Protein backbone atom coordinates (compact mmCIF):
# COMPACT_ATOMS: atom_id res chain seq x y z
CA MET A 1 -6.41 29.53 27.56
CA SER A 2 -8.59 32.28 26.22
CA LEU A 3 -5.35 33.77 24.80
CA CYS A 4 -4.74 30.82 22.49
CA ASN A 5 -6.20 30.94 18.69
CA LEU A 6 -5.60 27.36 17.75
CA LYS A 7 -8.58 25.76 16.84
CA THR A 8 -9.27 21.86 17.60
CA LEU A 9 -11.84 20.13 15.32
CA GLY A 10 -14.23 18.24 17.66
CA ASN A 11 -16.37 15.56 16.90
CA GLY A 12 -19.43 16.82 15.47
CA ASP A 13 -21.43 13.71 15.67
CA ILE A 14 -21.50 14.31 19.75
CA TYR A 15 -21.59 17.98 20.08
CA GLY A 16 -22.02 19.63 17.00
CA LEU A 17 -24.02 22.74 16.53
CA GLY A 18 -27.01 20.80 14.98
CA VAL A 19 -26.78 18.15 18.02
CA ARG A 20 -26.71 20.59 20.80
CA ILE A 21 -29.61 22.98 19.31
CA GLY A 22 -31.61 19.69 18.76
CA LEU A 23 -31.13 18.13 22.07
CA TYR A 24 -31.95 21.80 23.62
CA LEU A 25 -35.26 21.88 21.63
CA GLN A 26 -36.06 18.46 22.87
CA TRP A 27 -35.69 19.45 26.57
CA ALA A 28 -37.75 22.49 25.84
CA SER A 29 -40.35 20.45 24.40
CA GLY A 30 -40.28 18.04 26.99
CA PHE A 31 -40.94 20.32 29.36
CA ILE A 32 -43.80 22.26 27.81
CA LEU A 33 -45.47 18.55 27.32
CA ARG A 34 -44.70 17.67 31.00
CA ASP A 35 -45.70 21.30 32.34
CA ILE A 36 -49.25 21.02 30.43
CA GLY A 37 -49.78 17.44 31.31
CA SER A 38 -49.47 15.87 28.03
CA TRP A 39 -48.34 12.43 29.41
CA GLU A 40 -48.90 10.35 26.14
CA SER A 41 -46.87 12.56 23.99
CA LEU A 42 -44.14 13.17 26.79
CA ALA A 43 -44.08 9.20 26.67
CA ARG A 44 -43.49 9.15 22.97
CA MET A 45 -40.79 11.78 23.33
CA ARG A 46 -39.01 10.19 26.26
CA THR A 47 -38.32 7.45 23.78
CA VAL A 48 -36.78 9.29 21.13
CA ASN A 49 -34.56 11.17 23.74
CA ASN A 50 -33.62 7.54 24.63
CA VAL A 51 -32.52 6.81 20.99
CA LEU A 52 -30.68 10.17 20.78
CA GLY A 53 -28.99 10.16 23.87
CA GLY A 54 -27.94 6.35 23.77
CA ALA A 55 -26.59 6.92 20.01
CA LEU A 56 -24.81 9.82 21.43
CA ALA A 57 -23.32 8.01 24.74
CA LEU A 58 -22.33 5.02 22.67
CA ALA A 59 -20.36 7.55 20.38
CA ALA A 60 -18.50 8.94 23.08
CA ALA A 61 -17.65 5.92 24.65
CA ILE A 62 -16.29 4.13 21.68
CA ASP A 63 -13.99 7.24 21.05
CA ILE A 64 -12.73 7.13 24.42
CA ALA A 65 -12.13 3.61 24.44
CA ALA A 66 -10.12 4.13 20.76
CA GLY A 67 -8.15 6.96 22.35
CA SER A 68 -9.30 9.19 19.73
CA ALA A 69 -11.42 11.54 22.12
CA LEU A 70 -10.87 14.85 23.82
CA SER A 71 -10.54 15.00 27.43
CA VAL A 72 -13.48 17.34 27.60
CA ASP A 73 -15.87 14.91 25.11
CA TYR A 74 -17.13 12.86 27.93
CA LEU A 75 -18.19 15.70 30.03
CA ILE A 76 -19.71 17.35 27.46
CA SER A 77 -21.72 14.17 26.27
CA TYR A 78 -22.81 13.71 29.86
CA TYR A 79 -24.40 17.19 30.13
CA LEU A 80 -26.22 16.59 26.82
CA THR A 81 -27.50 13.37 27.96
CA VAL A 82 -27.98 13.11 31.58
CA GLY A 83 -27.74 16.61 32.44
CA LEU A 84 -30.71 18.09 30.38
CA PHE A 85 -32.97 15.27 30.98
CA TYR A 86 -32.35 13.87 34.65
CA ASN A 87 -35.30 15.55 35.80
CA GLU A 88 -37.66 13.19 33.46
CA SER A 89 -35.94 9.73 34.70
CA TYR A 90 -38.46 9.33 37.56
CA HIS A 91 -42.02 8.89 38.74
CA LEU A 92 -43.67 10.82 41.53
CA ASN A 93 -47.50 10.80 42.67
CA HIS A 94 -49.16 13.88 43.67
CA PRO A 95 -51.71 14.17 46.63
CA ASP A 96 -54.90 15.95 44.73
CA ARG A 97 -57.64 16.44 47.44
CA LYS A 98 -58.95 14.74 50.33
CA ILE A 99 -61.63 11.95 50.43
CA PRO A 100 -63.85 10.88 53.03
CA GLY A 101 -63.12 7.33 54.41
CA GLY A 102 -60.17 6.43 52.35
CA VAL A 103 -58.86 3.01 52.28
CA HIS A 104 -56.05 2.03 54.90
CA ASP A 105 -56.34 5.61 56.20
CA VAL A 106 -55.51 7.20 53.09
CA ASP A 107 -57.51 10.34 52.53
CA TYR A 108 -55.55 11.49 49.18
CA VAL A 109 -56.76 10.78 45.46
CA GLU A 110 -53.65 10.00 43.42
CA ILE A 111 -52.81 8.86 39.80
CA GLN A 112 -51.35 5.49 39.90
CA ALA A 113 -48.41 6.13 37.18
CA LEU A 114 -46.85 2.72 36.18
CA PRO A 115 -43.65 2.80 34.50
CA ARG A 116 -43.12 2.06 30.82
CA PHE A 117 -40.17 0.37 29.08
CA ALA A 118 -38.81 3.65 27.56
CA LEU A 119 -38.58 4.97 31.40
CA ILE A 120 -36.68 1.71 32.46
CA PHE A 121 -34.13 2.09 29.72
CA GLN A 122 -33.63 5.90 30.43
CA ASN A 123 -32.96 4.80 33.66
CA ILE A 124 -30.08 2.00 32.90
CA LEU A 125 -28.71 4.42 30.34
CA PHE A 126 -28.20 7.32 32.91
CA GLY A 127 -27.02 4.76 35.52
CA THR A 128 -24.51 3.19 32.78
CA TYR A 129 -23.06 6.18 31.29
CA SER A 130 -22.67 7.70 35.12
CA LEU A 131 -20.71 4.24 35.89
CA PHE A 132 -18.84 4.84 32.89
CA GLY A 133 -18.01 8.07 33.94
CA ALA A 134 -16.08 6.57 37.39
CA TRP A 135 -13.90 4.68 35.36
CA PHE A 136 -13.26 7.27 32.54
CA TRP A 137 -12.10 9.81 35.46
CA GLN A 138 -9.80 7.16 37.19
CA SER A 139 -8.50 5.55 33.81
CA GLY A 140 -9.81 6.84 30.87
CA LEU A 141 -8.72 10.21 31.14
CA ASN A 142 -5.42 9.57 30.28
CA LYS A 143 -5.99 7.84 27.37
CA THR A 144 -7.66 11.04 25.74
CA GLN A 145 -5.91 13.78 23.67
CA LEU A 146 -4.92 16.96 24.06
CA THR A 147 -6.11 19.77 22.65
CA LYS A 148 -3.95 22.07 20.18
CA CYS A 149 -4.12 25.02 22.70
CA ALA A 150 -3.22 22.69 25.31
CA ALA A 151 -0.23 21.42 23.52
CA ALA A 152 0.99 24.41 22.61
CA THR A 153 0.65 26.22 25.72
CA GLN A 154 1.60 23.35 27.90
CA LYS A 155 -1.52 23.89 30.13
CA GLY A 156 -4.68 21.47 30.73
CA GLU A 157 -7.75 21.64 29.14
CA VAL A 158 -10.71 23.52 31.10
CA ALA A 159 -13.75 21.83 31.87
CA ALA A 160 -16.73 23.65 33.28
CA ILE A 161 -19.52 23.82 36.20
CA VAL A 162 -20.67 27.26 34.74
CA PHE A 163 -17.25 28.25 35.73
CA LEU A 164 -14.10 27.19 34.03
CA PHE A 165 -11.40 24.80 35.68
CA ASP A 166 -8.37 22.27 34.98
CA VAL A 167 -10.06 19.09 33.73
CA ARG A 168 -6.93 17.26 34.91
CA SER A 169 -6.64 18.55 38.65
CA GLU A 170 -6.34 15.67 41.26
CA ARG A 171 -8.84 17.73 43.28
CA TRP A 172 -11.55 17.49 40.56
CA VAL A 173 -10.71 14.15 39.23
CA MET A 174 -11.39 12.42 42.39
CA GLY A 175 -14.67 14.54 42.99
CA ALA A 176 -15.85 13.68 39.66
CA THR A 177 -15.23 9.97 40.45
CA THR A 178 -16.88 10.28 43.59
CA VAL A 179 -19.95 11.91 42.20
CA SER A 180 -20.39 9.59 39.19
CA ALA A 181 -20.37 6.67 41.31
CA LEU A 182 -22.92 8.13 43.40
CA PHE A 183 -25.07 9.12 40.69
CA ALA A 184 -24.85 5.77 39.10
CA SER A 185 -26.23 4.46 42.55
CA ILE A 186 -29.08 7.03 42.53
CA PHE A 187 -30.11 5.88 39.07
CA GLY A 188 -29.53 2.09 40.17
CA ILE A 189 -32.20 2.60 42.75
CA ILE A 190 -34.66 4.31 40.43
CA PHE A 191 -34.36 1.96 38.10
CA VAL A 192 -35.02 -0.97 40.55
CA THR A 193 -38.23 0.98 41.90
CA HIS A 194 -39.10 1.40 38.45
CA LEU A 195 -39.06 -2.17 37.40
CA ILE A 196 -41.08 -3.28 40.46
CA GLY A 197 -43.90 -1.29 39.00
CA LEU A 198 -43.31 -2.61 35.49
CA ASN A 199 -43.57 -6.49 36.94
CA LYS A 200 -45.80 -6.31 39.64
CA GLY A 201 -48.05 -3.10 38.51
CA ILE A 202 -48.03 -1.51 41.93
CA GLN A 203 -50.31 1.47 42.68
CA PHE A 204 -47.62 3.55 44.34
CA GLY A 205 -44.51 5.57 42.76
CA PRO A 206 -40.80 4.82 43.24
CA VAL A 207 -40.28 6.97 46.17
CA THR A 208 -42.74 4.92 47.87
CA ALA A 209 -41.60 1.64 46.79
CA ALA A 210 -38.00 2.41 47.75
CA ALA A 211 -39.29 3.12 51.26
CA PHE A 212 -41.05 -0.41 51.33
CA ILE A 213 -37.64 -1.86 50.23
CA LEU A 214 -35.50 0.16 52.98
CA GLY A 215 -37.97 -0.91 55.54
CA ILE A 216 -38.68 2.75 56.16
CA CYS A 217 -42.62 2.50 56.28
CA PRO A 218 -44.92 -0.39 56.12
CA ALA A 219 -47.26 -1.55 53.29
CA HIS A 220 -50.43 -1.12 54.79
CA ARG A 221 -49.58 2.41 54.80
CA PRO A 222 -48.31 3.52 51.42
CA TYR A 223 -48.73 7.36 52.00
CA LEU A 224 -46.56 8.66 54.77
CA PRO A 225 -45.41 12.17 55.43
CA ILE A 226 -41.96 11.61 54.14
CA SER A 227 -43.40 10.23 50.98
CA SER A 228 -45.29 13.46 50.64
CA PHE A 229 -42.31 15.75 51.44
CA LEU A 230 -40.36 14.06 48.82
CA VAL A 231 -43.04 14.39 46.01
CA SER A 232 -43.21 18.24 46.85
CA ALA A 233 -39.72 18.49 47.12
CA LEU A 234 -38.57 16.68 43.79
CA ARG A 235 -41.81 17.56 41.71
CA PRO A 236 -43.15 21.01 42.50
CA LYS A 237 -46.50 21.86 40.80
CA ARG A 238 -46.40 25.01 38.81
CA PRO A 239 -47.25 27.99 40.83
CA GLN A 240 -50.67 29.48 39.84
CA THR A 241 -51.40 32.89 38.20
CA GLY A 242 -51.57 35.51 40.72
CA SER A 243 -49.47 33.40 43.45
CA THR A 244 -47.72 35.59 46.15
CA SER A 245 -45.25 33.20 46.97
CA ASP A 246 -41.53 33.65 45.92
CA PHE A 247 -40.30 30.61 47.42
CA LEU A 248 -42.76 28.41 45.52
CA PHE A 249 -41.77 29.75 41.93
CA PHE A 250 -38.12 29.61 43.29
CA HIS A 251 -38.40 26.14 44.26
CA TYR A 252 -40.31 25.30 40.92
CA CYS A 253 -37.59 27.10 38.91
CA ILE A 254 -34.69 25.12 40.75
CA ILE A 255 -36.09 21.91 40.21
CA ASN A 256 -36.96 22.30 36.49
CA PHE A 257 -34.07 24.78 35.02
CA LEU A 258 -31.34 24.67 37.13
CA GLY A 259 -29.84 21.58 35.78
CA PRO A 260 -30.61 22.35 32.00
CA ILE A 261 -29.33 25.77 32.44
CA VAL A 262 -26.05 24.45 34.13
CA SER A 263 -25.59 21.77 31.46
CA ILE A 264 -26.19 24.38 28.27
CA VAL A 265 -23.78 26.88 29.90
CA SER A 266 -21.32 24.27 30.53
CA VAL A 267 -21.23 22.76 27.56
CA GLU A 268 -20.89 26.40 25.41
CA ARG A 269 -18.17 27.79 27.60
CA MET A 270 -16.00 24.13 27.45
CA LEU A 271 -16.12 24.75 23.67
CA ARG A 272 -15.31 28.20 23.48
CA GLY A 273 -12.81 27.99 26.55
CA ASN A 274 -10.82 24.92 24.75
CA GLN A 275 -11.42 26.52 21.26
CA ILE A 276 -13.12 23.55 20.01
CA SER A 277 -15.06 23.55 16.49
CA THR A 278 -17.17 21.17 14.85
CA PRO A 279 -17.90 20.29 11.21
CA ASP A 280 -20.72 22.56 9.60
CA ILE A 281 -24.05 21.01 9.52
CA GLU A 282 -24.63 21.39 5.63
CA GLY A 283 -21.38 19.71 5.03
CA PRO A 284 -20.60 15.84 4.28
CA ARG A 285 -20.09 15.19 8.07
CA GLY A 286 -23.05 16.91 9.23
CA THR A 287 -25.81 13.96 8.80
CA PHE A 288 -25.97 13.31 12.45
CA GLN A 289 -26.13 16.76 13.09
CA THR A 290 -28.99 17.04 10.90
CA ILE A 291 -31.12 14.01 12.27
CA PHE A 292 -30.95 15.89 15.83
CA LEU A 293 -31.78 19.14 14.67
CA PHE A 294 -34.62 17.90 12.78
CA THR A 295 -35.77 15.93 15.25
CA GLY A 296 -35.74 18.76 18.03
CA VAL A 297 -37.75 21.11 15.71
CA CYS A 298 -40.13 18.05 15.01
CA SER A 299 -40.59 17.93 18.91
CA MET A 300 -41.24 21.84 19.48
CA LEU A 301 -43.83 21.53 16.67
CA LEU A 302 -45.61 18.70 18.56
CA ALA A 303 -45.21 20.59 21.64
CA ALA A 304 -46.83 23.77 20.05
CA ARG A 305 -49.79 21.48 18.82
CA GLU A 306 -50.53 19.99 22.37
CA PHE A 307 -50.17 23.84 24.09
CA GLY A 308 -52.77 25.10 21.07
CA LYS A 309 -55.18 21.86 21.85
CA LEU A 310 -55.05 22.76 25.39
CA ALA A 311 -55.55 26.24 24.76
CA MET A 312 -58.74 25.70 22.70
CA GLU A 313 -59.96 23.38 25.49
CA ILE A 314 -59.67 25.92 28.10
CA ARG A 315 -61.30 28.41 25.51
CA LYS A 316 -64.46 25.97 24.98
CA GLU A 317 -64.80 25.32 28.66
CA ARG A 318 -64.88 28.89 29.51
CA ARG A 319 -67.43 29.56 26.62
CA GLY A 320 -69.44 26.69 28.25
CA ASP A 321 -69.35 28.23 31.77
CA GLU A 322 -70.45 31.37 30.17
CA GLU A 323 -73.37 30.20 28.50
CA THR A 324 -74.87 28.07 31.25
CA ALA A 325 -73.74 30.07 34.49
CA GLY A 326 -73.53 33.73 32.57
CA THR A 327 -70.14 34.08 34.20
CA SER A 328 -66.85 33.57 33.24
CA THR A 329 -64.67 31.03 35.34
CA THR A 330 -60.99 30.60 35.36
CA LEU A 331 -60.35 27.39 34.90
CA PRO A 332 -56.69 26.00 36.05
CA LEU A 333 -54.28 24.68 33.63
CA LYS A 334 -54.08 21.36 35.06
CA GLN A 335 -57.51 20.22 35.37
CA ALA A 336 -58.15 21.08 31.35
CA ALA A 337 -55.13 18.60 30.94
CA ARG A 338 -56.93 16.01 33.10
CA ARG A 339 -59.89 16.06 30.97
CA ALA A 340 -58.01 16.70 27.63
CA ILE A 341 -54.82 14.56 27.64
CA ALA A 342 -54.07 10.95 28.67
CA VAL A 343 -51.78 10.13 31.70
CA ASP A 344 -48.48 9.53 31.07
CA ASP A 345 -46.75 6.07 31.11
CA LEU A 346 -49.84 4.28 32.24
CA ASP A 347 -49.72 0.59 31.25
CA PRO A 348 -52.71 -0.44 29.45
CA GLN A 349 -54.15 -2.69 32.18
CA SER A 350 -53.61 -0.11 35.04
CA GLU A 351 -55.86 2.41 33.82
CA ALA A 352 -58.51 1.31 35.54
CA MET A 353 -56.40 2.17 38.78
CA VAL A 354 -56.70 5.75 37.97
CA HIS A 355 -58.92 7.80 40.18
CA ARG A 356 -61.51 10.44 38.65
CA ASN A 357 -60.01 13.95 39.25
CA SER A 358 -56.69 12.78 39.92
CA THR A 359 -53.34 14.30 39.00
CA TYR A 360 -49.68 13.09 38.10
């Protein structure tokens, strides 16, 4: 395929340069906001991501149903919607510190983060689009169009999970169908647990709720080791400056960066490997790309603003410590975030349930 120079015009509204850069910026700004603890801004950005991702997925699904899509359009759009943002699709509570005489033998102070509708909608979007993928790999793939290179060389188009392979191979089609159905089930479980929290105002995260539903643990002991293990595994805290644990840093990078990096590299390699071009951003068909790009830039500016506010808060705390105690005390980033920024996705009625000095 690399020897073919025939260009195929792809759908700029799904994976044009402006769309891709805008979504990459959306992911980067969302990561920054979550890492510094700007939960309210992150909740608003999730709503924006839902609008962008929903529009992109709908456009791809319509093209596939109409038979006008290329064979790689679905996988590219899946990377740009689910692959980049799946790490934002679930809530987990973090144990913060032990307290004496905990209720029901619970000796951890935790944040009680309840889901908002934006998170529920994101679960529905990811689950539905994953389920649509199971249909696509079994039936929809045969209705897609060939690229010019594939038609000229009589070879199949290439897909990518970092490395390139034939998108129409039987082994890949069967594996992709199975994985799509599995991902749809996972997002369905997350949706149900978040929906329980939305309707009932439960004071524990989705992992614990799922454990209750499946009968893994009783309701009167909500924080069992299995829940703490999943919290540590799926939502690791950022290693503190000076930490000597290579494993903690590696784990943190794997959870937060592996999926987005694989998605970005795979998208760019598929476009290059299939010789797919898209309309220019400044052209008459670049309106959708301009919207995505403008949104991504604005989100990065918001993340920079929140980061600057946090830096100023840390500086003020340090100056106050120097004036009162005569010594400079380094304030951990997460403690400043607790004081400066509201908690993500808290229902207005549930704010009273948030313990002091707790973290999400």
